[in-house]
């Protein structure tokens, strides 16, 4: 009779452990989803912030905009060339995506 009681207690403990494990998996899944949402929001905030900084540059120096959006060619003897290259490097322009041509 005592053997039966311990077996029942072990079965209850196993079922309780299984239920607790499933509950913990649900909690971990929920936390991962929340972390994923937070990362996406952080990414969007940084992207919008970077875009706002780029807009500020084009507002402050509207003469630089055609070099990025209209593919205006650069004149290497021009003082603006350094500003344009600096902006392009900071902006992360990939020459394959945004064609910038240089006049030598």
PDB file of N, CA and C in Angstrom:
ATOM      1  N   UNK A   1       0.816  -1.180   0.000  1.00  0.00           N
ATOM      2  CA  UNK A   1       0.000   0.000   0.000  1.00  0.00           C
ATOM      3  C   UNK A   1       0.874   1.264   0.000  1.00  0.00           C
ATOM      4  N   UNK A   2       1.974   1.191   0.735  1.00  0.00           N
ATOM      5  CA  UNK A   2       2.867   2.327   0.754  1.00  0.00           C
ATOM      6  C   UNK A   2       3.526   2.517  -0.599  1.00  0.00           C
ATOM      7  N   UNK A   3       3.782   1.459  -1.307  1.00  0.00           N
ATOM      8  CA  UNK A   3       4.350   1.531  -2.655  1.00  0.00           C
ATOM      9  C   UNK A   3       3.412   2.276  -3.590  1.00  0.00           C
ATOM     10  N   UNK A   4       2.137   2.016  -3.483  1.00  0.00           N
ATOM     11  CA  UNK A   4       1.162   2.681  -4.344  1.00  0.00           C
ATOM     12  C   UNK A   4       1.123   4.185  -4.068  1.00  0.00           C
ATOM     13  N   UNK A   5       1.247   4.557  -2.796  1.00  0.00           N
ATOM     14  CA  UNK A   5       1.214   5.969  -2.441  1.00  0.00           C
ATOM     15  C   UNK A   5       2.402   6.718  -3.028  1.00  0.00           C
ATOM     16  N   UNK A   6       3.586   6.139  -2.984  1.00  0.00           N
ATOM     17  CA  UNK A   6       4.779   6.799  -3.522  1.00  0.00           C
ATOM     18  C   UNK A   6       4.701   6.891  -5.038  1.00  0.00           C
ATOM     19  N   UNK A   7       4.134   5.865  -5.656  1.00  0.00           N
ATOM     20  CA  UNK A   7       3.977   5.912  -7.115  1.00  0.00           C
ATOM     21  C   UNK A   7       3.007   7.021  -7.526  1.00  0.00           C
ATOM     22  N   UNK A   8       1.938   7.187  -6.776  1.00  0.00           N
ATOM     23  CA  UNK A   8       0.973   8.246  -7.057  1.00  0.00           C
ATOM     24  C   UNK A   8       1.627   9.609  -6.848  1.00  0.00           C
ATOM     25  N   UNK A   9       2.405   9.734  -5.767  1.00  0.00           N
ATOM     26  CA  UNK A   9       3.094  11.000  -5.487  1.00  0.00           C
ATOM     27  C   UNK A   9       4.096  11.315  -6.598  1.00  0.00           C
ATOM     28  N   UNK A  10       4.820  10.307  -7.074  1.00  0.00           N
ATOM     29  CA  UNK A  10       5.780  10.508  -8.168  1.00  0.00           C
ATOM     30  C   UNK A  10       5.063  10.903  -9.456  1.00  0.00           C
ATOM     31  N   UNK A  11       3.924  10.298  -9.725  1.00  0.00           N
ATOM     32  CA  UNK A  11       3.154  10.636 -10.927  1.00  0.00           C
ATOM     33  C   UNK A  11       2.640  12.065 -10.844  1.00  0.00           C
ATOM     34  N   UNK A  12       2.139  12.461  -9.668  1.00  0.00           N
ATOM     35  CA  UNK A  12       1.662  13.835  -9.493  1.00  0.00           C
ATOM     36  C   UNK A  12       2.819  14.814  -9.665  1.00  0.00           C
ATOM     37  N   UNK A  13       3.973  14.486  -9.108  1.00  0.00           N
ATOM     38  CA  UNK A  13       5.145  15.348  -9.231  1.00  0.00           C
ATOM     39  C   UNK A  13       5.579  15.460 -10.694  1.00  0.00           C
ATOM     40  N   UNK A  14       5.536  14.368 -11.431  1.00  0.00           N
ATOM     41  CA  UNK A  14       5.914  14.389 -12.845  1.00  0.00           C
ATOM     42  C   UNK A  14       4.944  15.245 -13.656  1.00  0.00           C
ATOM     43  N   UNK A  15       3.665  15.099 -13.383  1.00  0.00           N
ATOM     44  CA  UNK A  15       2.654  15.896 -14.098  1.00  0.00           C
ATOM     45  C   UNK A  15       2.818  17.373 -13.753  1.00  0.00           C
ATOM     46  N   UNK A  16       3.046  17.674 -12.477  1.00  0.00           N
ATOM     47  CA  UNK A  16       3.235  19.056 -12.049  1.00  0.00           C
ATOM     48  C   UNK A  16       4.480  19.655 -12.716  1.00  0.00           C
ATOM     49  N   UNK A  17       5.550  18.882 -12.788  1.00  0.00           N
ATOM     50  CA  UNK A  17       6.779  19.342 -13.439  1.00  0.00           C
ATOM     51  C   UNK A  17       6.541  19.599 -14.919  1.00  0.00           C
ATOM     52  N   UNK A  18       5.802  18.725 -15.583  1.00  0.00           N
ATOM     53  CA  UNK A  18       5.504  18.910 -17.004  1.00  0.00           C
ATOM     54  C   UNK A  18       4.683  20.176 -17.230  1.00  0.00           C
ATOM     55  N   UNK A  19       3.683  20.387 -16.377  1.00  0.00           N
ATOM     56  CA  UNK A  19       2.846  21.578 -16.508  1.00  0.00           C
ATOM     57  C   UNK A  19       3.676  22.833 -16.244  1.00  0.00           C
ATOM     58  N   UNK A  20       4.534  22.800 -15.240  1.00  0.00           N
ATOM     59  CA  UNK A  20       5.393  23.944 -14.937  1.00  0.00           C
ATOM     60  C   UNK A  20       6.357  24.221 -16.092  1.00  0.00           C
ATOM     61  N   UNK A  21       6.873  23.163 -16.703  1.00  0.00           N
ATOM     62  CA  UNK A  21       7.785  23.331 -17.845  1.00  0.00           C
ATOM     63  C   UNK A  21       7.067  23.978 -19.025  1.00  0.00           C
ATOM     64  N   UNK A  22       5.865  23.534 -19.285  1.00  0.00           N
ATOM     65  CA  UNK A  22       5.086  24.130 -20.374  1.00  0.00           C
ATOM     66  C   UNK A  22       4.807  25.603 -20.059  1.00  0.00           C
ATOM     67  N   UNK A  23       4.472  25.897 -18.822  1.00  0.00           N
ATOM     68  CA  UNK A  23       4.236  27.283 -18.418  1.00  0.00           C
ATOM     69  C   UNK A  23       5.491  28.128 -18.587  1.00  0.00           C
ATOM     70  N   UNK A  24       6.636  27.606 -18.223  1.00  0.00           N
ATOM     71  CA  UNK A  24       7.885  28.350 -18.375  1.00  0.00           C
ATOM     72  C   UNK A  24       8.226  28.562 -19.849  1.00  0.00           C
ATOM     73  N   UNK A  25       7.964  27.570 -20.689  1.00  0.00           N
ATOM     74  CA  UNK A  25       8.184  27.742 -22.124  1.00  0.00           C
ATOM     75  C   UNK A  25       7.290  28.847 -22.684  1.00  0.00           C
ATOM     76  N   UNK A  26       6.072  28.914 -22.207  1.00  0.00           N
ATOM     77  CA  UNK A  26       5.169  29.971 -22.638  1.00  0.00           C
ATOM     78  C   UNK A  26       5.701  31.338 -22.210  1.00  0.00           C
ATOM     79  N   UNK A  27       6.198  31.433 -20.968  1.00  0.00           N
ATOM     80  CA  UNK A  27       6.748  32.697 -20.464  1.00  0.00           C
ATOM     81  C   UNK A  27       7.976  33.104 -21.280  1.00  0.00           C
ATOM     82  N   UNK A  28       8.861  32.157 -21.548  1.00  0.00           N
ATOM     83  CA  UNK A  28      10.067  32.452 -22.336  1.00  0.00           C
ATOM     84  C   UNK A  28       9.675  32.896 -23.742  1.00  0.00           C
ATOM     85  N   UNK A  29       8.711  32.227 -24.344  1.00  0.00           N
ATOM     86  CA  UNK A  29       8.234  32.609 -25.675  1.00  0.00           C
ATOM     87  C   UNK A  29       7.685  34.032 -25.663  1.00  0.00           C
ATOM     88  N   UNK A  30       6.938  34.368 -24.651  1.00  0.00           N
ATOM     89  CA  UNK A  30       6.370  35.715 -24.536  1.00  0.00           C
ATOM     90  C   UNK A  30       7.471  36.758 -24.370  1.00  0.00           C
ATOM     91  N   UNK A  31       8.476  36.446 -23.559  1.00  0.00           N
ATOM     92  CA  UNK A  31       9.592  37.370 -23.353  1.00  0.00           C
ATOM     93  C   UNK A  31      10.386  37.573 -24.642  1.00  0.00           C
ATOM     94  N   UNK A  32      10.576  36.500 -25.403  1.00  0.00           N
ATOM     95  CA  UNK A  32      11.292  36.611 -26.672  1.00  0.00           C
ATOM     96  C   UNK A  32      10.516  37.476 -27.666  1.00  0.00           C
ATOM     97  N   UNK A  33       9.216  37.315 -27.699  1.00  0.00           N
ATOM     98  CA  UNK A  33       8.400  38.157 -28.584  1.00  0.00           C
ATOM     99  C   UNK A  33       8.489  39.623 -28.191  1.00  0.00           C
ATOM    100  N   UNK A  34       8.456  39.894 -26.881  1.00  0.00           N
ATOM    101  CA  UNK A  34       8.568  41.271 -26.401  1.00  0.00           C
ATOM    102  C   UNK A  34       9.942  41.842 -26.729  1.00  0.00           C
ATOM    103  N   UNK A  35      10.991  41.049 -26.558  1.00  0.00           N
ATOM    104  CA  UNK A  35      12.344  41.496 -26.894  1.00  0.00           C
ATOM    105  C   UNK A  35      12.454  41.791 -28.381  1.00  0.00           C
ATOM    106  N   UNK A  36      11.827  40.966 -29.190  1.00  0.00           N
ATOM    107  CA  UNK A  36      11.837  41.176 -30.641  1.00  0.00           C
ATOM    108  C   UNK A  36      11.130  42.481 -30.993  1.00  0.00           C
ATOM    109  N   UNK A  37       9.989  42.744 -30.369  1.00  0.00           N
ATOM    110  CA  UNK A  37       9.279  44.006 -30.605  1.00  0.00           C
ATOM    111  C   UNK A  37      10.124  45.206 -30.178  1.00  0.00           C
ATOM    112  N   UNK A  38      10.799  45.074 -29.045  1.00  0.00           N
ATOM    113  CA  UNK A  38      11.643  46.163 -28.556  1.00  0.00           C
ATOM    114  C   UNK A  38      12.802  46.427 -29.510  1.00  0.00           C
ATOM    115  N   UNK A  39      13.406  45.371 -30.030  1.00  0.00           N
ATOM    116  CA  UNK A  39      14.504  45.539 -30.988  1.00  0.00           C
ATOM    117  C   UNK A  39      14.023  46.217 -32.261  1.00  0.00           C
ATOM    118  N   UNK A  40      12.853  45.812 -32.747  1.00  0.00           N
ATOM    119  CA  UNK A  40      12.306  46.442 -33.951  1.00  0.00           C
ATOM    120  C   UNK A  40      12.030  47.920 -33.709  1.00  0.00           C
ATOM    121  N   UNK A  41      11.458  48.240 -32.566  1.00  0.00           N
ATOM    122  CA  UNK A  41      11.164  49.639 -32.253  1.00  0.00           C
ATOM    123  C   UNK A  41      12.455  50.441 -32.145  1.00  0.00           C
ATOM    124  N   UNK A  42      13.452  49.875 -31.507  1.00  0.00           N
ATOM    125  CA  UNK A  42      14.736  50.558 -31.373  1.00  0.00           C
ATOM    126  C   UNK A  42      15.365  50.796 -32.732  1.00  0.00           C
ATOM    127  N   UNK A  43      15.266  49.795 -33.609  1.00  0.00           N
ATOM    128  CA  UNK A  43      15.799  49.932 -34.961  1.00  0.00           C
ATOM    129  C   UNK A  43      15.089  51.050 -35.708  1.00  0.00           C
ATOM    130  N   UNK A  44      13.779  51.096 -35.609  1.00  0.00           N
ATOM    131  CA  UNK A  44      13.012  52.126 -36.310  1.00  0.00           C
ATOM    132  C   UNK A  44      13.334  53.522 -35.762  1.00  0.00           C
ATOM    133  N   UNK A  45      13.480  53.627 -34.460  1.00  0.00           N
ATOM    134  CA  UNK A  45      13.815  54.927 -33.864  1.00  0.00           C
ATOM    135  C   UNK A  45      15.173  55.394 -34.368  1.00  0.00           C
ATOM    136  N   UNK A  46      16.156  54.495 -34.391  1.00  0.00           N
ATOM    137  CA  UNK A  46      17.483  54.903 -34.863  1.00  0.00           C
ATOM    138  C   UNK A  46      17.458  55.224 -36.351  1.00  0.00           C
ATOM    139  N   UNK A  47      16.664  54.498 -37.116  1.00  0.00           N
ATOM    140  CA  UNK A  47      16.549  54.770 -38.544  1.00  0.00           C
ATOM    141  C   UNK A  47      15.909  56.136 -38.790  1.00  0.00           C
ATOM    142  N   UNK A  48      14.835  56.432 -38.081  1.00  0.00           N
ATOM    143  CA  UNK A  48      14.185  57.734 -38.234  1.00  0.00           C
ATOM    144  C   UNK A  48      15.092  58.863 -37.763  1.00  0.00           C
ATOM    145  N   UNK A  49      15.851  58.603 -36.705  1.00  0.00           N
ATOM    146  CA  UNK A  49      16.780  59.612 -36.195  1.00  0.00           C
ATOM    147  C   UNK A  49      17.863  59.902 -37.225  1.00  0.00           C
ATOM    148  N   UNK A  50      18.418  58.851 -37.836  1.00  0.00           N
ATOM    149  CA  UNK A  50      19.447  59.044 -38.864  1.00  0.00           C
ATOM    150  C   UNK A  50      18.873  59.779 -40.066  1.00  0.00           C
ATOM    151  N   UNK A  51      17.659  59.440 -40.443  1.00  0.00           N
ATOM    152  CA  UNK A  51      17.012  60.109 -41.566  1.00  0.00           C
ATOM    153  C   UNK A  51      16.776  61.590 -41.253  1.00  0.00           C
ATOM    154  N   UNK A  52      16.413  61.884 -40.023  1.00  0.00           N
ATOM    155  CA  UNK A  52      16.210  63.278 -39.628  1.00  0.00           C
ATOM    156  C   UNK A  52      17.522  64.058 -39.689  1.00  0.00           C
ATOM    157  N   UNK A  53      18.626  63.411 -39.307  1.00  0.00           N
ATOM    158  CA  UNK A  53      19.931  64.067 -39.380  1.00  0.00           C
ATOM    159  C   UNK A  53      20.311  64.359 -40.832  1.00  0.00           C
ATOM    160  N   UNK A  54      20.022  63.420 -41.713  1.00  0.00           N
ATOM    161  CA  UNK A  54      20.306  63.628 -43.135  1.00  0.00           C
ATOM    162  C   UNK A  54      19.448  64.766 -43.676  1.00  0.00           C
ATOM    163  N   UNK A  55      18.189  64.798 -43.282  1.00  0.00           N
ATOM    164  CA  UNK A  55      17.307  65.892 -43.715  1.00  0.00           C
ATOM    165  C   UNK A  55      17.824  67.237 -43.225  1.00  0.00           C
ATOM    166  N   UNK A  56      18.350  67.274 -41.997  1.00  0.00           N
ATOM    167  CA  UNK A  56      18.901  68.523 -41.465  1.00  0.00           C
ATOM    168  C   UNK A  56      20.063  69.009 -42.322  1.00  0.00           C
ATOM    169  N   UNK A  57      20.918  68.070 -42.752  1.00  0.00           N
ATOM    170  CA  UNK A  57      22.057  68.453 -43.592  1.00  0.00           C
ATOM    171  C   UNK A  57      21.560  69.047 -44.899  1.00  0.00           C
ATOM    172  N   UNK A  58      20.567  68.411 -45.517  1.00  0.00           N
ATOM    173  CA  UNK A  58      20.060  68.921 -46.794  1.00  0.00           C
ATOM    174  C   UNK A  58      19.270  70.216 -46.623  1.00  0.00           C
ATOM    175  N   UNK A  59      18.719  70.450 -45.442  1.00  0.00           N
ATOM    176  CA  UNK A  59      18.059  71.733 -45.183  1.00  0.00           C
ATOM    177  C   UNK A  59      19.111  72.822 -45.000  1.00  0.00           C
ATOM    178  N   UNK A  60      20.166  72.492 -44.244  1.00  0.00           N
ATOM    179  CA  UNK A  60      21.232  73.472 -44.009  1.00  0.00           C
ATOM    180  C   UNK A  60      22.065  73.742 -45.266  1.00  0.00           C
ATOM    181  N   UNK A  61      22.250  72.705 -46.079  1.00  0.00           N
ATOM    182  CA  UNK A  61      23.077  72.830 -47.285  1.00  0.00           C
ATOM    183  C   UNK A  61      22.329  72.255 -48.489  1.00  0.00           C
ATOM    184  N   UNK A  62      21.322  72.949 -48.971  1.00  0.00           N
ATOM    185  CA  UNK A  62      20.504  72.413 -50.065  1.00  0.00           C
ATOM    186  C   UNK A  62      21.295  72.207 -51.355  1.00  0.00           C
ATOM    187  N   UNK A  63      22.438  72.864 -51.489  1.00  0.00           N
ATOM    188  CA  UNK A  63      23.241  72.695 -52.708  1.00  0.00           C
ATOM    189  C   UNK A  63      23.875  71.302 -52.799  1.00  0.00           C
ATOM    190  N   UNK A  64      23.892  70.536 -51.686  1.00  0.00           N
ATOM    191  CA  UNK A  64      24.462  69.188 -51.707  1.00  0.00           C
ATOM    192  C   UNK A  64      23.463  68.135 -52.177  1.00  0.00           C
ATOM    193  N   UNK A  65      22.179  68.439 -52.077  1.00  0.00           N
ATOM    194  CA  UNK A  65      21.138  67.455 -52.399  1.00  0.00           C
ATOM    195  C   UNK A  65      21.233  66.882 -53.809  1.00  0.00           C
ATOM    196  N   UNK A  66      21.473  67.682 -54.850  1.00  0.00           N
ATOM    197  CA  UNK A  66      21.510  67.124 -56.210  1.00  0.00           C
ATOM    198  C   UNK A  66      22.587  66.051 -56.413  1.00  0.00           C
ATOM    199  N   UNK A  67      23.636  66.106 -55.613  1.00  0.00           N
ATOM    200  CA  UNK A  67      24.690  65.105 -55.750  1.00  0.00           C
ATOM    201  C   UNK A  67      24.234  63.729 -55.285  1.00  0.00           C
ATOM    202  N   UNK A  68      23.225  63.699 -54.447  1.00  0.00           N
ATOM    203  CA  UNK A  68      22.743  62.426 -53.912  1.00  0.00           C
ATOM    204  C   UNK A  68      21.470  61.932 -54.586  1.00  0.00           C
ATOM    205  N   UNK A  69      20.627  62.847 -55.012  1.00  0.00           N
ATOM    206  CA  UNK A  69      19.344  62.431 -55.555  1.00  0.00           C
ATOM    207  C   UNK A  69      19.232  62.596 -57.066  1.00  0.00           C
ATOM    208  N   UNK A  70      20.026  63.468 -57.641  1.00  0.00           N
ATOM    209  CA  UNK A  70      19.951  63.705 -59.082  1.00  0.00           C
ATOM    210  C   UNK A  70      21.195  63.222 -59.822  1.00  0.00           C
ATOM    211  N   UNK A  71      22.103  62.539 -59.103  1.00  0.00           N
ATOM    212  CA  UNK A  71      23.353  62.012 -59.680  1.00  0.00           C
ATOM    213  C   UNK A  71      24.170  63.100 -60.375  1.00  0.00           C
ATOM    214  N   UNK A  72      24.186  64.269 -59.797  1.00  0.00           N
ATOM    215  CA  UNK A  72      25.013  65.346 -60.319  1.00  0.00           C
ATOM    216  C   UNK A  72      26.483  64.962 -60.138  1.00  0.00           C
ATOM    217  N   UNK A  73      27.275  65.229 -61.143  1.00  0.00           N
ATOM    218  CA  UNK A  73      28.678  64.827 -61.096  1.00  0.00           C
ATOM    219  C   UNK A  73      29.476  65.771 -60.210  1.00  0.00           C
ATOM    220  N   UNK A  74      30.490  65.197 -59.548  1.00  0.00           N
ATOM    221  CA  UNK A  74      31.349  65.976 -58.672  1.00  0.00           C
ATOM    222  C   UNK A  74      32.517  66.565 -59.446  1.00  0.00           C
ATOM    223  N   UNK A  75      32.897  67.755 -59.063  1.00  0.00           N
ATOM    224  CA  UNK A  75      34.095  68.387 -59.606  1.00  0.00           C
ATOM    225  C   UNK A  75      35.153  68.307 -58.510  1.00  0.00           C
ATOM    226  N   UNK A  76      36.235  67.578 -58.765  1.00  0.00           N
ATOM    227  CA  UNK A  76      37.241  67.339 -57.728  1.00  0.00           C
ATOM    228  C   UNK A  76      37.938  68.621 -57.273  1.00  0.00           C
ATOM    229  N   UNK A  77      37.889  69.681 -58.054  1.00  0.00           N
ATOM    230  CA  UNK A  77      38.511  70.925 -57.656  1.00  0.00           C
ATOM    231  C   UNK A  77      37.622  71.776 -56.773  1.00  0.00           C
ATOM    232  N   UNK A  78      36.439  71.342 -56.508  1.00  0.00           N
ATOM    233  CA  UNK A  78      35.448  72.113 -55.770  1.00  0.00           C
ATOM    234  C   UNK A  78      35.570  71.829 -54.273  1.00  0.00           C
ATOM    235  N   UNK A  79      35.405  72.860 -53.450  1.00  0.00           N
ATOM    236  CA  UNK A  79      35.462  72.704 -52.001  1.00  0.00           C
ATOM    237  C   UNK A  79      34.309  71.844 -51.489  1.00  0.00           C
ATOM    238  N   UNK A  80      33.161  71.892 -52.161  1.00  0.00           N
ATOM    239  CA  UNK A  80      32.004  71.101 -51.740  1.00  0.00           C
ATOM    240  C   UNK A  80      32.267  69.609 -51.850  1.00  0.00           C
ATOM    241  N   UNK A  81      33.244  69.227 -52.687  1.00  0.00           N
ATOM    242  CA  UNK A  81      33.520  67.810 -52.898  1.00  0.00           C
ATOM    243  C   UNK A  81      33.861  67.119 -51.588  1.00  0.00           C
ATOM    244  N   UNK A  82      34.677  67.738 -50.760  1.00  0.00           N
ATOM    245  CA  UNK A  82      35.033  67.143 -49.468  1.00  0.00           C
ATOM    246  C   UNK A  82      33.800  66.980 -48.589  1.00  0.00           C
ATOM    247  N   UNK A  83      32.935  67.975 -48.585  1.00  0.00           N
ATOM    248  CA  UNK A  83      31.713  67.884 -47.798  1.00  0.00           C
ATOM    249  C   UNK A  83      30.825  66.748 -48.298  1.00  0.00           C
ATOM    250  N   UNK A  84      30.741  66.623 -49.605  1.00  0.00           N
ATOM    251  CA  UNK A  84      29.889  65.590 -50.204  1.00  0.00           C
ATOM    252  C   UNK A  84      30.434  64.203 -49.889  1.00  0.00           C
ATOM    253  N   UNK A  85      31.748  64.034 -50.025  1.00  0.00           N
ATOM    254  CA  UNK A  85      32.351  62.727 -49.736  1.00  0.00           C
ATOM    255  C   UNK A  85      32.184  62.396 -48.256  1.00  0.00           C
ATOM    256  N   UNK A  86      32.412  63.381 -47.390  1.00  0.00           N
ATOM    257  CA  UNK A  86      32.240  63.154 -45.954  1.00  0.00           C
ATOM    258  C   UNK A  86      30.803  62.753 -45.640  1.00  0.00           C
ATOM    259  N   UNK A  87      29.853  63.458 -46.219  1.00  0.00           N
ATOM    260  CA  UNK A  87      28.444  63.137 -45.997  1.00  0.00           C
ATOM    261  C   UNK A  87      28.117  61.746 -46.533  1.00  0.00           C
ATOM    262  N   UNK A  88      28.646  61.432 -47.704  1.00  0.00           N
ATOM    263  CA  UNK A  88      28.376  60.114 -48.294  1.00  0.00           C
ATOM    264  C   UNK A  88      28.943  58.998 -47.434  1.00  0.00           C
ATOM    265  N   UNK A  89      30.149  59.190 -46.903  1.00  0.00           N
ATOM    266  CA  UNK A  89      30.744  58.159 -46.054  1.00  0.00           C
ATOM    267  C   UNK A  89      29.976  58.011 -44.749  1.00  0.00           C
ATOM    268  N   UNK A  90      29.561  59.121 -44.180  1.00  0.00           N
ATOM    269  CA  UNK A  90      28.786  59.048 -42.945  1.00  0.00           C
ATOM    270  C   UNK A  90      27.385  58.503 -43.180  1.00  0.00           C
ATOM    271  N   UNK A  91      26.854  58.773 -44.335  1.00  0.00           N
ATOM    272  CA  UNK A  91      25.513  58.310 -44.680  1.00  0.00           C
ATOM    273  C   UNK A  91      25.542  56.848 -45.079  1.00  0.00           C
ATOM    274  N   UNK A  92      26.703  56.342 -45.448  1.00  0.00           N
ATOM    275  CA  UNK A  92      26.831  54.947 -45.831  1.00  0.00           C
ATOM    276  C   UNK A  92      26.358  54.687 -47.245  1.00  0.00           C
ATOM    277  N   UNK A  93      26.635  55.608 -48.146  1.00  0.00           N
ATOM    278  CA  UNK A  93      26.211  55.409 -49.527  1.00  0.00           C
ATOM    279  C   UNK A  93      27.026  54.279 -50.133  1.00  0.00           C
ATOM    280  N   UNK A  94      26.342  53.330 -50.676  1.00  0.00           N
ATOM    281  CA  UNK A  94      26.975  52.233 -51.392  1.00  0.00           C
ATOM    282  C   UNK A  94      26.997  52.624 -52.868  1.00  0.00           C
ATOM    283  N   UNK A  95      28.184  52.669 -53.452  1.00  0.00           N
ATOM    284  CA  UNK A  95      28.286  53.154 -54.821  1.00  0.00           C
ATOM    285  C   UNK A  95      27.507  52.291 -55.808  1.00  0.00           C
ATOM    286  N   UNK A  96      27.212  51.060 -55.442  1.00  0.00           N
ATOM    287  CA  UNK A  96      26.391  50.217 -56.323  1.00  0.00           C
ATOM    288  C   UNK A  96      24.933  50.663 -56.292  1.00  0.00           C
ATOM    289  N   UNK A  97      24.477  51.099 -55.122  1.00  0.00           N
ATOM    290  CA  UNK A  97      23.079  51.520 -54.991  1.00  0.00           C
ATOM    291  C   UNK A  97      22.899  52.971 -55.431  1.00  0.00           C
ATOM    292  N   UNK A  98      23.850  53.821 -55.084  1.00  0.00           N
ATOM    293  CA  UNK A  98      23.759  55.247 -55.383  1.00  0.00           C
ATOM    294  C   UNK A  98      24.985  55.603 -56.190  1.00  0.00           C
ATOM    295  N   UNK A  99      24.809  55.819 -57.479  1.00  0.00           N
ATOM    296  CA  UNK A  99      25.939  56.074 -58.353  1.00  0.00           C
ATOM    297  C   UNK A  99      26.407  57.519 -58.204  1.00  0.00           C
ATOM    298  N   UNK A 100      27.670  57.667 -57.804  1.00  0.00           N
ATOM    299  CA  UNK A 100      28.289  58.984 -57.700  1.00  0.00           C
ATOM    300  C   UNK A 100      29.479  58.973 -58.649  1.00  0.00           C
ATOM    301  N   UNK A 101      29.481  59.871 -59.610  1.00  0.00           N
ATOM    302  CA  UNK A 101      30.574  59.907 -60.569  1.00  0.00           C
ATOM    303  C   UNK A 101      31.478  61.083 -60.282  1.00  0.00           C
ATOM    304  N   UNK A 102      32.758  60.902 -60.506  1.00  0.00           N
ATOM    305  CA  UNK A 102      33.762  61.931 -60.234  1.00  0.00           C
ATOM    306  C   UNK A 102      34.343  62.444 -61.545  1.00  0.00           C
ATOM    307  N   UNK A 103      34.520  63.758 -61.634  1.00  0.00           N
ATOM    308  CA  UNK A 103      35.200  64.365 -62.768  1.00  0.00           C
ATOM    309  C   UNK A 103      36.635  64.633 -62.338  1.00  0.00           C
ATOM    310  N   UNK A 104      37.593  64.088 -63.047  1.00  0.00           N
ATOM    311  CA  UNK A 104      38.992  64.306 -62.681  1.00  0.00           C
ATOM    312  C   UNK A 104      39.594  65.430 -63.465  1.00  0.00           C
TER     313      UNK A 104
END
